[in-house]
Amino acid sequence: MKKFIITNLLLLTLLSLPSTVSALTGYRTYTNYNLYSACYNNYTAKHAKETNNQYISNYVKKFTNTNKATFWAADGNSKKISKTYDQQVSTTQKINLTTKKNKGSNVRLGMENYNQVAYTATVSGEVDFR
């Protein structure tokens, strides 16, 4: 019986590990963010940088009404602080900062529809604000 309990506790610990690792690495989920028509910009909420690393990482999980979007890093005032990067679904992009931001600085993820269309699309994913 004791062996059974220990085995189950170890299994439960291993199953919960991925969510713990994701939480420790700073990933923040964004769901169904609008990619407005005519490439109008949208941004995630502001997040304080957790490290002095000069990049953020974006993972795209899902699109609706488009197949690609353009992303960039922005400061707390929505000023662009990186180059732009085009991403498709199931891709991860390291977005290098062109303006130095230290730990504690507010950053956010900017986005727009890659396609100039007359309708709104959406994107869901995860971004590590590092």
Protein backbone atom coordinates (compact mmCIF):
# COMPACT_ATOMS: atom_id res chain seq x y z
CA MET A 1 0.00 0.00 0.00
CA LYS A 2 2.79 2.41 0.90
CA LYS A 3 4.50 1.74 -2.45
CA PHE A 4 1.21 2.44 -4.26
CA ILE A 5 0.78 5.82 -2.53
CA ILE A 6 4.37 6.88 -3.24
CA THR A 7 4.06 5.86 -6.90
CA ASN A 8 0.83 7.82 -7.30
CA LEU A 9 2.33 10.90 -5.63
CA LEU A 10 5.34 10.78 -7.97
CA LEU A 11 3.08 10.39 -11.00
CA LEU A 12 0.92 13.32 -9.89
CA THR A 13 4.04 15.46 -9.40
CA LEU A 14 5.33 14.62 -12.88
CA LEU A 15 1.97 15.39 -14.48
CA SER A 16 1.82 18.81 -12.85
CA LEU A 17 5.42 19.69 -13.79
CA PRO A 18 4.78 21.25 -17.25
CA SER A 19 2.35 23.83 -15.88
CA THR A 20 4.80 24.68 -13.11
CA VAL A 21 7.67 25.11 -15.57
CA SER A 22 5.53 27.34 -17.80
CA ALA A 23 4.55 29.50 -14.84
CA LEU A 24 8.16 29.87 -13.73
CA THR A 25 9.35 30.94 -17.17
CA GLY A 26 7.02 33.92 -17.36
CA TYR A 27 4.72 32.86 -20.20
CA ARG A 28 1.45 34.82 -20.32
CA THR A 29 -1.48 33.56 -22.36
CA TYR A 30 -3.41 35.83 -24.69
CA THR A 31 -6.67 34.57 -26.17
CA ASN A 32 -8.65 35.81 -29.16
CA TYR A 33 -6.86 39.15 -29.45
CA ASN A 34 -8.25 41.13 -32.38
CA LEU A 35 -6.17 41.56 -35.51
CA TYR A 36 -8.11 44.49 -36.88
CA SER A 37 -8.86 45.20 -40.53
CA ALA A 38 -6.42 47.29 -42.58
CA CYS A 39 -3.54 46.24 -40.25
CA TYR A 40 -4.65 48.42 -37.31
CA ASN A 41 -2.44 47.71 -34.26
CA ASN A 42 -3.42 45.88 -31.08
CA TYR A 43 -1.40 45.20 -27.90
CA THR A 44 -1.39 42.85 -24.94
CA ALA A 45 -1.51 44.26 -21.42
CA LYS A 46 1.71 45.67 -19.93
CA HIS A 47 3.97 43.26 -18.05
CA ALA A 48 7.09 43.96 -16.00
CA LYS A 49 10.21 42.30 -17.41
CA GLU A 50 11.38 39.52 -15.10
CA THR A 51 15.01 39.45 -16.31
CA ASN A 52 17.56 41.71 -17.98
CA ASN A 53 17.39 39.59 -21.17
CA GLN A 54 16.95 41.82 -24.20
CA TYR A 55 14.24 39.80 -25.92
CA ILE A 56 10.76 38.37 -25.46
CA SER A 57 9.43 35.12 -26.95
CA ASN A 58 6.07 34.71 -28.68
CA TYR A 59 4.33 31.41 -29.45
CA VAL A 60 1.26 31.48 -31.74
CA LYS A 61 -1.33 28.80 -30.92
CA LYS A 62 -4.27 29.69 -33.14
CA PHE A 63 -5.64 32.12 -35.74
CA THR A 64 -9.14 32.74 -37.00
CA ASN A 65 -9.78 34.48 -40.35
CA THR A 66 -6.06 34.74 -41.19
CA ASN A 67 -2.98 32.57 -41.57
CA LYS A 68 -0.27 35.02 -40.48
CA ALA A 69 0.27 38.03 -38.22
CA THR A 70 3.04 40.54 -37.56
CA PHE A 71 4.37 40.94 -34.00
CA TRP A 72 6.79 43.29 -32.22
CA ALA A 73 7.84 44.30 -28.72
CA ALA A 74 6.61 47.62 -27.36
CA ASP A 75 7.24 49.59 -24.19
CA GLY A 76 4.56 50.47 -21.66
CA ASN A 77 3.46 53.41 -23.86
CA SER A 78 3.07 51.20 -26.96
CA LYS A 79 6.24 52.59 -28.58
CA LYS A 80 7.88 49.94 -30.77
CA ILE A 81 11.17 48.67 -29.29
CA SER A 82 11.98 45.85 -31.73
CA LYS A 83 11.86 44.95 -35.38
CA THR A 84 8.68 43.30 -36.66
CA TYR A 85 8.38 39.54 -37.06
CA ASP A 86 5.84 37.62 -39.15
CA GLN A 87 4.53 34.42 -37.60
CA GLN A 88 2.23 31.58 -38.56
CA VAL A 89 0.43 29.12 -36.30
CA SER A 90 2.55 26.76 -34.13
CA THR A 91 5.67 28.93 -34.39
CA THR A 92 7.81 30.51 -31.70
CA GLN A 93 9.69 33.74 -32.35
CA LYS A 94 12.44 35.32 -30.28
CA ILE A 95 11.75 39.07 -30.58
CA ASN A 96 15.01 40.96 -29.97
CA LEU A 97 14.71 44.38 -28.34
CA THR A 98 16.34 47.34 -30.11
CA THR A 99 15.95 49.56 -27.04
CA LYS A 100 17.45 48.33 -23.76
CA LYS A 101 14.88 47.42 -21.11
CA ASN A 102 15.96 46.28 -17.65
CA LYS A 103 14.22 43.98 -15.23
CA GLY A 104 11.05 45.69 -13.98
CA SER A 105 10.50 47.76 -17.15
CA ASN A 106 7.01 47.54 -18.63
CA VAL A 107 6.78 45.79 -22.00
CA ARG A 108 3.93 44.50 -24.13
CA LEU A 109 3.43 42.58 -27.35
CA GLY A 110 2.19 44.49 -30.40
CA MET A 111 0.36 42.75 -33.22
CA GLU A 112 -1.44 43.31 -36.49
CA ASN A 113 -2.94 41.18 -39.25
CA TYR A 114 -0.33 40.41 -41.90
CA ASN A 115 -3.01 40.58 -44.58
CA GLN A 116 -4.63 43.92 -45.40
CA VAL A 117 -8.25 42.81 -45.31
CA ALA A 118 -11.60 44.42 -44.56
CA TYR A 119 -12.49 42.14 -41.63
CA THR A 120 -11.15 41.43 -38.15
CA ALA A 121 -9.20 38.24 -37.42
CA THR A 122 -8.07 36.89 -34.02
CA VAL A 123 -4.93 35.33 -32.57
CA SER A 124 -4.23 33.28 -29.46
CA GLY A 125 -0.86 32.36 -28.02
CA GLU A 126 1.66 32.76 -25.24
CA VAL A 127 4.36 35.36 -24.75
CA ASP A 128 7.31 35.22 -22.37
CA PHE A 129 8.07 38.79 -21.34
CA ARG A 130 11.34 37.64 -19.72
